[in-house]
PDB file of N, CA and C in Angstrom:
ATOM      1  N   MET A   1       8.783  25.441 -17.535  1.00  0.00           N
ATOM      2  CA  MET A   1       7.573  24.658 -17.419  1.00  0.00           C
ATOM      3  C   MET A   1       7.880  23.411 -16.508  1.00  0.00           C
ATOM      4  N   ARG A   2       6.975  23.172 -15.564  1.00  0.00           N
ATOM      5  CA  ARG A   2       7.210  22.048 -14.667  1.00  0.00           C
ATOM      6  C   ARG A   2       6.393  20.838 -15.235  1.00  0.00           C
ATOM      7  N   GLY A   3       6.829  19.611 -14.842  1.00  0.00           N
ATOM      8  CA  GLY A   3       6.105  18.400 -15.195  1.00  0.00           C
ATOM      9  C   GLY A   3       5.060  18.159 -14.208  1.00  0.00           C
ATOM     10  N   MET A   4       4.404  17.008 -14.355  1.00  0.00           N
ATOM     11  CA  MET A   4       3.318  16.599 -13.439  1.00  0.00           C
ATOM     12  C   MET A   4       3.912  16.441 -12.032  1.00  0.00           C
ATOM     13  N   LEU A   5       3.170  16.738 -11.055  1.00  0.00           N
ATOM     14  CA  LEU A   5       3.622  16.458  -9.679  1.00  0.00           C
ATOM     15  C   LEU A   5       3.376  15.026  -9.276  1.00  0.00           C
ATOM     16  N   LEU A   6       4.380  14.350  -8.808  1.00  0.00           N
ATOM     17  CA  LEU A   6       4.194  12.989  -8.356  1.00  0.00           C
ATOM     18  C   LEU A   6       4.583  12.866  -6.910  1.00  0.00           C
ATOM     19  N   SER A   7       3.709  12.277  -6.118  1.00  0.00           N
ATOM     20  CA  SER A   7       4.010  11.971  -4.693  1.00  0.00           C
ATOM     21  C   SER A   7       3.627  10.538  -4.432  1.00  0.00           C
ATOM     22  N   PHE A   8       4.120  10.043  -3.319  1.00  0.00           N
ATOM     23  CA  PHE A   8       3.924   8.682  -2.978  1.00  0.00           C
ATOM     24  C   PHE A   8       3.254   8.494  -1.601  1.00  0.00           C
ATOM     25  N   GLN A   9       2.281   7.673  -1.489  1.00  0.00           N
ATOM     26  CA  GLN A   9       1.664   7.424  -0.224  1.00  0.00           C
ATOM     27  C   GLN A   9       2.561   6.554   0.684  1.00  0.00           C
ATOM     28  N   ASP A  10       3.398   5.712   0.047  1.00  0.00           N
ATOM     29  CA  ASP A  10       4.218   4.794   0.810  1.00  0.00           C
ATOM     30  C   ASP A  10       5.702   5.259   0.671  1.00  0.00           C
ATOM     31  N   ALA A  11       6.373   5.523   1.771  1.00  0.00           N
ATOM     32  CA  ALA A  11       7.761   6.013   1.744  1.00  0.00           C
ATOM     33  C   ALA A  11       8.662   4.956   1.167  1.00  0.00           C
ATOM     34  N   GLY A  12       8.410   3.636   1.443  1.00  0.00           N
ATOM     35  CA  GLY A  12       9.296   2.602   0.981  1.00  0.00           C
ATOM     36  C   GLY A  12       9.201   2.508  -0.559  1.00  0.00           C
ATOM     37  N   LEU A  13       7.982   2.635  -1.103  1.00  0.00           N
ATOM     38  CA  LEU A  13       7.826   2.573  -2.530  1.00  0.00           C
ATOM     39  C   LEU A  13       8.571   3.818  -3.188  1.00  0.00           C
ATOM     40  N   ALA A  14       8.434   4.963  -2.584  1.00  0.00           N
ATOM     41  CA  ALA A  14       9.120   6.142  -3.111  1.00  0.00           C
ATOM     42  C   ALA A  14      10.644   5.918  -3.103  1.00  0.00           C
ATOM     43  N   GLN A  15      11.184   5.288  -2.039  1.00  0.00           N
ATOM     44  CA  GLN A  15      12.612   4.965  -1.947  1.00  0.00           C
ATOM     45  C   GLN A  15      13.015   4.087  -3.081  1.00  0.00           C
ATOM     46  N   ILE A  16      12.262   3.026  -3.384  1.00  0.00           N
ATOM     47  CA  ILE A  16      12.565   2.129  -4.524  1.00  0.00           C
ATOM     48  C   ILE A  16      12.590   2.853  -5.815  1.00  0.00           C
ATOM     49  N   VAL A  17      11.543   3.589  -6.135  1.00  0.00           N
ATOM     50  CA  VAL A  17      11.393   4.201  -7.386  1.00  0.00           C
ATOM     51  C   VAL A  17      12.501   5.307  -7.663  1.00  0.00           C
ATOM     52  N   ASN A  18      12.896   5.919  -6.646  1.00  0.00           N
ATOM     53  CA  ASN A  18      13.906   6.995  -6.726  1.00  0.00           C
ATOM     54  C   ASN A  18      15.355   6.537  -6.618  1.00  0.00           C
ATOM     55  N   ASP A  19      15.590   5.215  -6.726  1.00  0.00           N
ATOM     56  CA  ASP A  19      16.920   4.652  -6.612  1.00  0.00           C
ATOM     57  C   ASP A  19      17.141   3.619  -7.617  1.00  0.00           C
ATOM     58  N   HIS A  20      17.988   3.838  -8.593  1.00  0.00           N
ATOM     59  CA  HIS A  20      18.280   2.894  -9.687  1.00  0.00           C
ATOM     60  C   HIS A  20      18.612   1.463  -9.178  1.00  0.00           C
ATOM     61  N   LEU A  21      19.474   1.387  -8.147  1.00  0.00           N
ATOM     62  CA  LEU A  21      19.843   0.043  -7.678  1.00  0.00           C
ATOM     63  C   LEU A  21      18.624  -0.703  -7.030  1.00  0.00           C
ATOM     64  N   SER A  22      17.801   0.063  -6.365  1.00  0.00           N
ATOM     65  CA  SER A  22      16.643  -0.527  -5.748  1.00  0.00           C
ATOM     66  C   SER A  22      15.654  -1.048  -6.849  1.00  0.00           C
ATOM     67  N   ILE A  23      15.505  -0.254  -7.878  1.00  0.00           N
ATOM     68  CA  ILE A  23      14.649  -0.733  -8.977  1.00  0.00           C
ATOM     69  C   ILE A  23      15.220  -2.007  -9.530  1.00  0.00           C
ATOM     70  N   MET A  24      16.552  -2.056  -9.737  1.00  0.00           N
ATOM     71  CA  MET A  24      17.174  -3.291 -10.310  1.00  0.00           C
ATOM     72  C   MET A  24      16.962  -4.503  -9.394  1.00  0.00           C
ATOM     73  N   ARG A  25      16.972  -4.252  -8.088  1.00  0.00           N
ATOM     74  CA  ARG A  25      16.740  -5.371  -7.124  1.00  0.00           C
ATOM     75  C   ARG A  25      15.308  -5.893  -7.115  1.00  0.00           C
ATOM     76  N   VAL A  26      14.359  -4.959  -7.158  1.00  0.00           N
ATOM     77  CA  VAL A  26      12.955  -5.345  -6.996  1.00  0.00           C
ATOM     78  C   VAL A  26      12.345  -5.804  -8.317  1.00  0.00           C
ATOM     79  N   TRP A  27      12.693  -5.120  -9.421  1.00  0.00           N
ATOM     80  CA  TRP A  27      12.131  -5.433 -10.754  1.00  0.00           C
ATOM     81  C   TRP A  27      13.222  -5.525 -11.773  1.00  0.00           C
ATOM     82  N   PRO A  28      14.110  -6.534 -11.639  1.00  0.00           N
ATOM     83  CA  PRO A  28      15.319  -6.617 -12.569  1.00  0.00           C
ATOM     84  C   PRO A  28      15.048  -6.688 -14.016  1.00  0.00           C
ATOM     85  N   LEU A  29      13.836  -7.202 -14.437  1.00  0.00           N
ATOM     86  CA  LEU A  29      13.564  -7.345 -15.850  1.00  0.00           C
ATOM     87  C   LEU A  29      12.833  -6.107 -16.421  1.00  0.00           C
ATOM     88  N   ALA A  30      12.552  -5.148 -15.551  1.00  0.00           N
ATOM     89  CA  ALA A  30      11.726  -3.992 -16.042  1.00  0.00           C
ATOM     90  C   ALA A  30      12.395  -2.654 -15.605  1.00  0.00           C
ATOM     91  N   VAL A  31      13.585  -2.673 -15.373  1.00  0.00           N
ATOM     92  CA  VAL A  31      14.332  -1.441 -14.977  1.00  0.00           C
ATOM     93  C   VAL A  31      14.020  -0.275 -15.954  1.00  0.00           C
ATOM     94  N   VAL A  32      14.205  -0.493 -17.180  1.00  0.00           N
ATOM     95  CA  VAL A  32      14.008   0.572 -18.164  1.00  0.00           C
ATOM     96  C   VAL A  32      12.560   1.050 -18.220  1.00  0.00           C
ATOM     97  N   GLU A  33      11.605   0.095 -18.093  1.00  0.00           N
ATOM     98  CA  GLU A  33      10.220   0.548 -18.155  1.00  0.00           C
ATOM     99  C   GLU A  33       9.833   1.368 -16.915  1.00  0.00           C
ATOM    100  N   VAL A  34      10.332   0.961 -15.765  1.00  0.00           N
ATOM    101  CA  VAL A  34      10.030   1.736 -14.523  1.00  0.00           C
ATOM    102  C   VAL A  34      10.629   3.139 -14.660  1.00  0.00           C
ATOM    103  N   MET A  35      11.848   3.240 -15.113  1.00  0.00           N
ATOM    104  CA  MET A  35      12.470   4.530 -15.243  1.00  0.00           C
ATOM    105  C   MET A  35      11.759   5.354 -16.313  1.00  0.00           C
ATOM    106  N   MET A  36      11.347   4.725 -17.380  1.00  0.00           N
ATOM    107  CA  MET A  36      10.683   5.439 -18.446  1.00  0.00           C
ATOM    108  C   MET A  36       9.329   6.017 -18.030  1.00  0.00           C
ATOM    109  N   ILE A  37       8.501   5.190 -17.284  1.00  0.00           N
ATOM    110  CA  ILE A  37       7.212   5.755 -16.895  1.00  0.00           C
ATOM    111  C   ILE A  37       7.359   6.924 -15.974  1.00  0.00           C
ATOM    112  N   MET A  38       8.307   6.835 -15.056  1.00  0.00           N
ATOM    113  CA  MET A  38       8.551   7.967 -14.177  1.00  0.00           C
ATOM    114  C   MET A  38       9.023   9.228 -14.923  1.00  0.00           C
ATOM    115  N   LYS A  39       9.924   9.028 -15.860  1.00  0.00           N
ATOM    116  CA  LYS A  39      10.433  10.171 -16.673  1.00  0.00           C
ATOM    117  C   LYS A  39       9.347  10.798 -17.536  1.00  0.00           C
ATOM    118  N   LEU A  40       8.561   9.878 -18.167  1.00  0.00           N
ATOM    119  CA  LEU A  40       7.476  10.396 -19.053  1.00  0.00           C
ATOM    120  C   LEU A  40       6.451  11.182 -18.310  1.00  0.00           C
ATOM    121  N   LEU A  41       6.139  10.729 -17.080  1.00  0.00           N
ATOM    122  CA  LEU A  41       5.184  11.464 -16.260  1.00  0.00           C
ATOM    123  C   LEU A  41       5.738  12.790 -15.812  1.00  0.00           C
ATOM    124  N   GLN A  42       7.027  12.793 -15.552  1.00  0.00           N
ATOM    125  CA  GLN A  42       7.688  14.049 -15.152  1.00  0.00           C
ATOM    126  C   GLN A  42       7.727  15.045 -16.321  1.00  0.00           C
ATOM    127  N   LEU A  43       7.811  14.532 -17.497  1.00  0.00           N
ATOM    128  CA  LEU A  43       7.831  15.399 -18.714  1.00  0.00           C
ATOM    129  C   LEU A  43       6.472  15.864 -19.143  1.00  0.00           C
ATOM    130  N   ALA A  44       5.428  15.080 -18.732  1.00  0.00           N
ATOM    131  CA  ALA A  44       4.105  15.502 -19.115  1.00  0.00           C
ATOM    132  C   ALA A  44       3.691  16.731 -18.373  1.00  0.00           C
ATOM    133  N   ALA A  45       3.533  17.829 -19.083  1.00  0.00           N
ATOM    134  CA  ALA A  45       3.209  19.091 -18.414  1.00  0.00           C
ATOM    135  C   ALA A  45       2.126  19.777 -19.238  1.00  0.00           C
ATOM    136  N   PRO A  46       1.220  20.456 -18.677  1.00  0.00           N
ATOM    137  CA  PRO A  46       1.033  20.457 -17.199  1.00  0.00           C
ATOM    138  C   PRO A  46       0.051  19.313 -16.722  1.00  0.00           C
ATOM    139  N   THR A  47      -0.570  18.594 -17.679  1.00  0.00           N
ATOM    140  CA  THR A  47      -1.540  17.623 -17.185  1.00  0.00           C
ATOM    141  C   THR A  47      -1.325  16.250 -17.809  1.00  0.00           C
ATOM    142  N   LEU A  48      -2.023  15.262 -17.280  1.00  0.00           N
ATOM    143  CA  LEU A  48      -1.915  13.853 -17.729  1.00  0.00           C
ATOM    144  C   LEU A  48      -2.248  13.683 -19.182  1.00  0.00           C
ATOM    145  N   VAL A  49      -3.048  14.537 -19.764  1.00  0.00           N
ATOM    146  CA  VAL A  49      -3.432  14.366 -21.163  1.00  0.00           C
ATOM    147  C   VAL A  49      -2.186  14.425 -22.008  1.00  0.00           C
ATOM    148  N   ASN A  50      -1.147  15.193 -21.599  1.00  0.00           N
ATOM    149  CA  ASN A  50       0.083  15.251 -22.370  1.00  0.00           C
ATOM    150  C   ASN A  50       0.888  14.031 -22.387  1.00  0.00           C
ATOM    151  N   ALA A  51       0.678  13.161 -21.390  1.00  0.00           N
ATOM    152  CA  ALA A  51       1.391  11.912 -21.281  1.00  0.00           C
ATOM    153  C   ALA A  51       0.902  10.890 -22.319  1.00  0.00           C
ATOM    154  N   LEU A  52      -0.349  11.075 -22.748  1.00  0.00           N
ATOM    155  CA  LEU A  52      -0.933  10.120 -23.751  1.00  0.00           C
ATOM    156  C   LEU A  52      -0.103  10.141 -25.046  1.00  0.00           C
ATOM    157  N   GLY A  53       0.390  11.269 -25.410  1.00  0.00           N
ATOM    158  CA  GLY A  53       1.234  11.375 -26.590  1.00  0.00           C
ATOM    159  C   GLY A  53       2.579  10.847 -26.452  1.00  0.00           C
ATOM    160  N   LEU A  54       2.940  10.528 -25.222  1.00  0.00           N
ATOM    161  CA  LEU A  54       4.348  10.017 -24.930  1.00  0.00           C
ATOM    162  C   LEU A  54       4.314   8.490 -24.711  1.00  0.00           C
ATOM    163  N   GLY A  55       3.171   7.854 -24.953  1.00  0.00           N
ATOM    164  CA  GLY A  55       3.121   6.367 -24.823  1.00  0.00           C
ATOM    165  C   GLY A  55       2.504   5.893 -23.531  1.00  0.00           C
ATOM    166  N   ILE A  56       2.053   6.773 -22.663  1.00  0.00           N
ATOM    167  CA  ILE A  56       1.351   6.344 -21.431  1.00  0.00           C
ATOM    168  C   ILE A  56      -0.094   6.003 -21.773  1.00  0.00           C
ATOM    169  N   LYS A  57      -0.610   4.980 -21.120  1.00  0.00           N
ATOM    170  CA  LYS A  57      -1.997   4.623 -21.261  1.00  0.00           C
ATOM    171  C   LYS A  57      -2.689   4.775 -19.896  1.00  0.00           C
ATOM    172  N   ILE A  58      -3.913   5.261 -19.970  1.00  0.00           N
ATOM    173  CA  ILE A  58      -4.694   5.347 -18.712  1.00  0.00           C
ATOM    174  C   ILE A  58      -5.955   4.520 -18.848  1.00  0.00           C
ATOM    175  N   THR A  59      -6.341   3.983 -17.713  1.00  0.00           N
ATOM    176  CA  THR A  59      -7.566   3.092 -17.681  1.00  0.00           C
ATOM    177  C   THR A  59      -8.185   3.255 -16.324  1.00  0.00           C
ATOM    178  N   PRO A  60      -9.471   2.889 -16.232  1.00  0.00           N
ATOM    179  CA  PRO A  60     -10.060   2.748 -14.874  1.00  0.00           C
ATOM    180  C   PRO A  60      -9.309   1.681 -14.090  1.00  0.00           C
ATOM    181  N   PRO A  61      -9.172   1.878 -12.783  1.00  0.00           N
ATOM    182  CA  PRO A  61      -8.474   0.815 -11.998  1.00  0.00           C
ATOM    183  C   PRO A  61      -9.286  -0.486 -12.005  1.00  0.00           C
ATOM    184  N   ARG A  62      -8.618  -1.560 -11.840  1.00  0.00           N
ATOM    185  CA  ARG A  62      -9.238  -2.891 -11.788  1.00  0.00           C
ATOM    186  C   ARG A  62      -9.641  -3.294 -10.370  1.00  0.00           C
ATOM    187  N   VAL A  63      -9.400  -2.435  -9.432  1.00  0.00           N
ATOM    188  CA  VAL A  63      -9.732  -2.734  -7.992  1.00  0.00           C
ATOM    189  C   VAL A  63     -10.633  -1.652  -7.533  1.00  0.00           C
ATOM    190  N   GLU A  64     -11.450  -1.987  -6.518  1.00  0.00           N
ATOM    191  CA  GLU A  64     -12.341  -1.006  -5.878  1.00  0.00           C
ATOM    192  C   GLU A  64     -11.466  -0.013  -5.116  1.00  0.00           C
ATOM    193  N   GLY A  65     -11.836   1.203  -5.146  1.00  0.00           N
ATOM    194  CA  GLY A  65     -11.100   2.218  -4.376  1.00  0.00           C
ATOM    195  C   GLY A  65     -11.865   3.531  -4.455  1.00  0.00           C
ATOM    196  N   PRO A  66     -11.182   4.607  -3.997  1.00  0.00           N
ATOM    197  CA  PRO A  66     -11.791   5.928  -4.025  1.00  0.00           C
ATOM    198  C   PRO A  66     -12.091   6.356  -5.457  1.00  0.00           C
ATOM    199  N   ASP A  67     -13.009   7.291  -5.579  1.00  0.00           N
ATOM    200  CA  ASP A  67     -13.462   7.761  -6.946  1.00  0.00           C
ATOM    201  C   ASP A  67     -12.366   8.250  -7.807  1.00  0.00           C
ATOM    202  N   GLY A  68     -11.361   8.876  -7.236  1.00  0.00           N
ATOM    203  CA  GLY A  68     -10.246   9.439  -7.984  1.00  0.00           C
ATOM    204  C   GLY A  68      -9.114   8.523  -8.394  1.00  0.00           C
ATOM    205  N   LEU A  69      -9.315   7.202  -8.141  1.00  0.00           N
ATOM    206  CA  LEU A  69      -8.254   6.235  -8.408  1.00  0.00           C
ATOM    207  C   LEU A  69      -8.144   6.051  -9.961  1.00  0.00           C
ATOM    208  N   ILE A  70      -6.891   5.934 -10.402  1.00  0.00           N
ATOM    209  CA  ILE A  70      -6.654   5.803 -11.830  1.00  0.00           C
ATOM    210  C   ILE A  70      -5.438   4.834 -11.973  1.00  0.00           C
ATOM    211  N   SER A  71      -5.443   4.130 -13.065  1.00  0.00           N
ATOM    212  CA  SER A  71      -4.258   3.267 -13.476  1.00  0.00           C
ATOM    213  C   SER A  71      -3.612   3.941 -14.591  1.00  0.00           C
ATOM    214  N   VAL A  72      -2.291   4.077 -14.511  1.00  0.00           N
ATOM    215  CA  VAL A  72      -1.495   4.679 -15.518  1.00  0.00           C
ATOM    216  C   VAL A  72      -0.413   3.630 -15.891  1.00  0.00           C
ATOM    217  N   ALA A  73      -0.319   3.277 -17.217  1.00  0.00           N
ATOM    218  CA  ALA A  73       0.562   2.170 -17.603  1.00  0.00           C
ATOM    219  C   ALA A  73       1.483   2.554 -18.684  1.00  0.00           C
ATOM    220  N   TYR A  74       2.667   1.883 -18.611  1.00  0.00           N
ATOM    221  CA  TYR A  74       3.633   1.963 -19.691  1.00  0.00           C
ATOM    222  C   TYR A  74       4.306   0.591 -19.740  1.00  0.00           C
ATOM    223  N   GLY A  75       4.151  -0.132 -20.820  1.00  0.00           N
ATOM    224  CA  GLY A  75       4.768  -1.480 -20.919  1.00  0.00           C
ATOM    225  C   GLY A  75       4.135  -2.359 -19.856  1.00  0.00           C
ATOM    226  N   SER A  76       5.059  -2.993 -19.019  1.00  0.00           N
ATOM    227  CA  SER A  76       4.606  -3.925 -17.957  1.00  0.00           C
ATOM    228  C   SER A  76       4.387  -3.200 -16.691  1.00  0.00           C
ATOM    229  N   VAL A  77       4.525  -1.912 -16.622  1.00  0.00           N
ATOM    230  CA  VAL A  77       4.458  -1.098 -15.435  1.00  0.00           C
ATOM    231  C   VAL A  77       3.056  -0.441 -15.326  1.00  0.00           C
ATOM    232  N   VAL A  78       2.384  -0.664 -14.172  1.00  0.00           N
ATOM    233  CA  VAL A  78       1.118  -0.050 -13.900  1.00  0.00           C
ATOM    234  C   VAL A  78       1.247   0.764 -12.558  1.00  0.00           C
ATOM    235  N   ILE A  79       0.909   2.030 -12.623  1.00  0.00           N
ATOM    236  CA  ILE A  79       0.843   2.847 -11.452  1.00  0.00           C
ATOM    237  C   ILE A  79      -0.613   3.031 -11.034  1.00  0.00           C
ATOM    238  N   MET A  80      -0.882   2.706  -9.798  1.00  0.00           N
ATOM    239  CA  MET A  80      -2.218   3.031  -9.198  1.00  0.00           C
ATOM    240  C   MET A  80      -2.084   4.257  -8.413  1.00  0.00           C
ATOM    241  N   ALA A  81      -2.871   5.217  -8.688  1.00  0.00           N
ATOM    242  CA  ALA A  81      -2.730   6.571  -8.029  1.00  0.00           C
ATOM    243  C   ALA A  81      -4.076   7.242  -7.874  1.00  0.00           C
ATOM    244  N   LEU A  82      -4.013   8.193  -6.924  1.00  0.00           N
ATOM    245  CA  LEU A  82      -5.173   9.156  -6.774  1.00  0.00           C
ATOM    246  C   LEU A  82      -4.850  10.335  -7.613  1.00  0.00           C
ATOM    247  N   ALA A  83      -5.818  10.722  -8.488  1.00  0.00           N
ATOM    248  CA  ALA A  83      -5.649  11.855  -9.370  1.00  0.00           C
ATOM    249  C   ALA A  83      -6.021  13.132  -8.617  1.00  0.00           C
ATOM    250  N   LYS A  84      -5.185  14.140  -8.823  1.00  0.00           N
ATOM    251  CA  LYS A  84      -5.439  15.468  -8.157  1.00  0.00           C
ATOM    252  C   LYS A  84      -5.477  16.556  -9.245  1.00  0.00           C
ATOM    253  N   GLY A  85      -6.226  17.541  -8.975  1.00  0.00           N
ATOM    254  CA  GLY A  85      -6.455  18.622  -9.890  1.00  0.00           C
ATOM    255  C   GLY A  85      -5.347  19.660  -9.691  1.00  0.00           C
ATOM    256  N   GLU A  86      -5.521  20.779 -10.398  1.00  0.00           N
ATOM    257  CA  GLU A  86      -4.515  21.899 -10.373  1.00  0.00           C
ATOM    258  C   GLU A  86      -4.298  22.448  -8.922  1.00  0.00           C
ATOM    259  N   PHE A  87      -5.272  22.402  -8.106  1.00  0.00           N
ATOM    260  CA  PHE A  87      -5.141  22.964  -6.732  1.00  0.00           C
ATOM    261  C   PHE A  87      -5.184  21.913  -5.683  1.00  0.00           C
ATOM    262  N   GLY A  88      -4.900  20.610  -6.059  1.00  0.00           N
ATOM    263  CA  GLY A  88      -4.787  19.554  -5.127  1.00  0.00           C
ATOM    264  C   GLY A  88      -6.085  18.846  -4.781  1.00  0.00           C
ATOM    265  N   GLU A  89      -7.164  19.231  -5.485  1.00  0.00           N
ATOM    266  CA  GLU A  89      -8.449  18.617  -5.233  1.00  0.00           C
ATOM    267  C   GLU A  89      -8.496  17.240  -5.970  1.00  0.00           C
ATOM    268  N   ALA A  90      -9.291  16.362  -5.459  1.00  0.00           N
ATOM    269  CA  ALA A  90      -9.535  15.022  -6.091  1.00  0.00           C
ATOM    270  C   ALA A  90     -10.186  15.223  -7.384  1.00  0.00           C
ATOM    271  N   VAL A  91      -9.833  14.458  -8.385  1.00  0.00           N
ATOM    272  CA  VAL A  91     -10.549  14.473  -9.674  1.00  0.00           C
ATOM    273  C   VAL A  91     -11.378  13.207  -9.786  1.00  0.00           C
ATOM    274  N   SER A  92     -12.638  13.413  -9.897  1.00  0.00           N
ATOM    275  CA  SER A  92     -13.583  12.298 -10.055  1.00  0.00           C
ATOM    276  C   SER A  92     -13.549  11.741 -11.463  1.00  0.00           C
ATOM    277  N   ARG A  93     -13.527  10.369 -11.494  1.00  0.00           N
ATOM    278  CA  ARG A  93     -13.430   9.687 -12.826  1.00  0.00           C
ATOM    279  C   ARG A  93     -12.278  10.237 -13.688  1.00  0.00           C
ATOM    280  N   PRO A  94     -11.044  10.280 -13.194  1.00  0.00           N
ATOM    281  CA  PRO A  94      -9.945  10.928 -13.886  1.00  0.00           C
ATOM    282  C   PRO A  94      -9.622  10.289 -15.250  1.00  0.00           C
ATOM    283  N   TYR A  95      -9.933   8.959 -15.428  1.00  0.00           N
ATOM    284  CA  TYR A  95      -9.622   8.315 -16.688  1.00  0.00           C
ATOM    285  C   TYR A  95     -10.477   8.872 -17.790  1.00  0.00           C
ATOM    286  N   ASP A  96     -11.580   9.548 -17.488  1.00  0.00           N
ATOM    287  CA  ASP A  96     -12.447  10.150 -18.489  1.00  0.00           C
ATOM    288  C   ASP A  96     -12.023  11.622 -18.841  1.00  0.00           C
ATOM    289  N   LYS A  97     -11.204  12.181 -17.922  1.00  0.00           N
ATOM    290  CA  LYS A  97     -10.822  13.612 -18.119  1.00  0.00           C
ATOM    291  C   LYS A  97      -9.374  13.867 -17.701  1.00  0.00           C
ATOM    292  N   PRO A  98      -8.398  13.301 -18.424  1.00  0.00           N
ATOM    293  CA  PRO A  98      -7.002  13.415 -18.117  1.00  0.00           C
ATOM    294  C   PRO A  98      -6.540  14.884 -18.132  1.00  0.00           C
ATOM    295  N   ALA A  99      -7.184  15.750 -18.843  1.00  0.00           N
ATOM    296  CA  ALA A  99      -6.800  17.113 -18.901  1.00  0.00           C
ATOM    297  C   ALA A  99      -6.979  17.882 -17.579  1.00  0.00           C
ATOM    298  N   GLU A 100      -7.727  17.260 -16.673  1.00  0.00           N
ATOM    299  CA  GLU A 100      -7.909  17.868 -15.321  1.00  0.00           C
ATOM    300  C   GLU A 100      -7.011  17.321 -14.299  1.00  0.00           C
ATOM    301  N   VAL A 101      -6.139  16.320 -14.712  1.00  0.00           N
ATOM    302  CA  VAL A 101      -5.203  15.689 -13.713  1.00  0.00           C
ATOM    303  C   VAL A 101      -3.874  16.378 -13.849  1.00  0.00           C
ATOM    304  N   TRP A 102      -3.532  17.097 -12.719  1.00  0.00           N
ATOM    305  CA  TRP A 102      -2.242  17.808 -12.644  1.00  0.00           C
ATOM    306  C   TRP A 102      -1.238  17.088 -11.807  1.00  0.00           C
ATOM    307  N   ALA A 103      -1.703  16.168 -10.992  1.00  0.00           N
ATOM    308  CA  ALA A 103      -0.780  15.467 -10.085  1.00  0.00           C
ATOM    309  C   ALA A 103      -1.285  14.034  -9.842  1.00  0.00           C
ATOM    310  N   LEU A 104      -0.336  13.187  -9.503  1.00  0.00           N
ATOM    311  CA  LEU A 104      -0.672  11.804  -9.083  1.00  0.00           C
ATOM    312  C   LEU A 104      -0.079  11.508  -7.755  1.00  0.00           C
ATOM    313  N   GLU A 105      -0.977  10.974  -6.870  1.00  0.00           N
ATOM    314  CA  GLU A 105      -0.475  10.533  -5.566  1.00  0.00           C
ATOM    315  C   GLU A 105      -0.449   9.018  -5.655  1.00  0.00           C
ATOM    316  N   VAL A 106       0.807   8.481  -5.844  1.00  0.00           N
ATOM    317  CA  VAL A 106       0.975   7.125  -6.158  1.00  0.00           C
ATOM    318  C   VAL A 106       0.686   6.187  -4.942  1.00  0.00           C
ATOM    319  N   ALA A 107      -0.255   5.278  -5.146  1.00  0.00           N
ATOM    320  CA  ALA A 107      -0.579   4.310  -4.054  1.00  0.00           C
ATOM    321  C   ALA A 107       0.214   3.042  -4.232  1.00  0.00           C
ATOM    322  N   ASP A 108       0.541   2.614  -5.440  1.00  0.00           N
ATOM    323  CA  ASP A 108       1.302   1.406  -5.737  1.00  0.00           C
ATOM    324  C   ASP A 108       1.855   1.409  -7.166  1.00  0.00           C
ATOM    325  N   MET A 109       2.925   0.706  -7.325  1.00  0.00           N
ATOM    326  CA  MET A 109       3.463   0.472  -8.661  1.00  0.00           C
ATOM    327  C   MET A 109       3.527  -1.041  -8.793  1.00  0.00           C
ATOM    328  N   ILE A 110       2.984  -1.553  -9.837  1.00  0.00           N
ATOM    329  CA  ILE A 110       2.902  -2.977 -10.058  1.00  0.00           C
ATOM    330  C   ILE A 110       3.613  -3.245 -11.382  1.00  0.00           C
ATOM    331  N   VAL A 111       4.593  -4.145 -11.295  1.00  0.00           N
ATOM    332  CA  VAL A 111       5.361  -4.525 -12.510  1.00  0.00           C
ATOM    333  C   VAL A 111       5.247  -6.040 -12.706  1.00  0.00           C
ATOM    334  N   ASP A 112       4.783  -6.406 -13.894  1.00  0.00           N
ATOM    335  CA  ASP A 112       4.587  -7.830 -14.155  1.00  0.00           C
ATOM    336  C   ASP A 112       3.779  -8.507 -13.035  1.00  0.00           C
ATOM    337  N   GLY A 113       2.802  -7.824 -12.531  1.00  0.00           N
ATOM    338  CA  GLY A 113       1.971  -8.380 -11.476  1.00  0.00           C
ATOM    339  C   GLY A 113       2.512  -8.297 -10.083  1.00  0.00           C
ATOM    340  N   GLN A 114       3.709  -7.786  -9.936  1.00  0.00           N
ATOM    341  CA  GLN A 114       4.433  -7.680  -8.576  1.00  0.00           C
ATOM    342  C   GLN A 114       4.336  -6.305  -8.063  1.00  0.00           C
ATOM    343  N   SER A 115       3.635  -6.132  -6.862  1.00  0.00           N
ATOM    344  CA  SER A 115       3.477  -4.877  -6.207  1.00  0.00           C
ATOM    345  C   SER A 115       4.838  -4.382  -5.620  1.00  0.00           C
ATOM    346  N   GLY A 116       5.039  -3.105  -5.601  1.00  0.00           N
ATOM    347  CA  GLY A 116       6.195  -2.567  -5.011  1.00  0.00           C
ATOM    348  C   GLY A 116       5.979  -2.291  -3.517  1.00  0.00           C
ATOM    349  N   LEU A 117       4.787  -2.428  -3.015  1.00  0.00           N
ATOM    350  CA  LEU A 117       4.550  -2.145  -1.596  1.00  0.00           C
ATOM    351  C   LEU A 117       5.202  -3.226  -0.758  1.00  0.00           C
ATOM    352  N   GLY A 118       5.865  -2.759   0.299  1.00  0.00           N
ATOM    353  CA  GLY A 118       6.521  -3.785   1.187  1.00  0.00           C
ATOM    354  C   GLY A 118       7.825  -4.309   0.658  1.00  0.00           C
ATOM    355  N   MET A 119       8.328  -3.806  -0.460  1.00  0.00           N
ATOM    356  CA  MET A 119       9.515  -4.355  -1.066  1.00  0.00           C
ATOM    357  C   MET A 119      10.765  -3.597  -0.705  1.00  0.00           C
ATOM    358  N   ALA A 120      10.663  -2.468   0.008  1.00  0.00           N
ATOM    359  CA  ALA A 120      11.838  -1.666   0.426  1.00  0.00           C
ATOM    360  C   ALA A 120      12.728  -2.477   1.344  1.00  0.00           C
ATOM    361  N   ALA A 121      14.004  -2.310   1.229  1.00  0.00           N
ATOM    362  CA  ALA A 121      14.955  -3.013   2.108  1.00  0.00           C
ATOM    363  C   ALA A 121      15.035  -2.371   3.416  1.00  0.00           C
TER     364      ALA A 121
END
């Protein structure tokens, strides 16, 4: 069984999230939470609804954006992402139907109010 598919719109953000030392540099007080949200989303299979039982919270985004935009949170970490269905199609109002979300295309990761965009070395 595979976990949820996670991709990143920003290569620098992907580089940070996939490297323990980079996470420590950018978000030193939230290393465990950043690593946990990524692991929990990887374990959530096949859809986002399974992540709810693992401690992940989902909400409508607080910013204007495309219809498929969703906020996924764990502790002080909030991931802003575009929700995708089983075949890569956009999921409209994904926070109302997490069972239809098979993948997240991460646009930003915000920890304690600090965006990860532009933080790559």
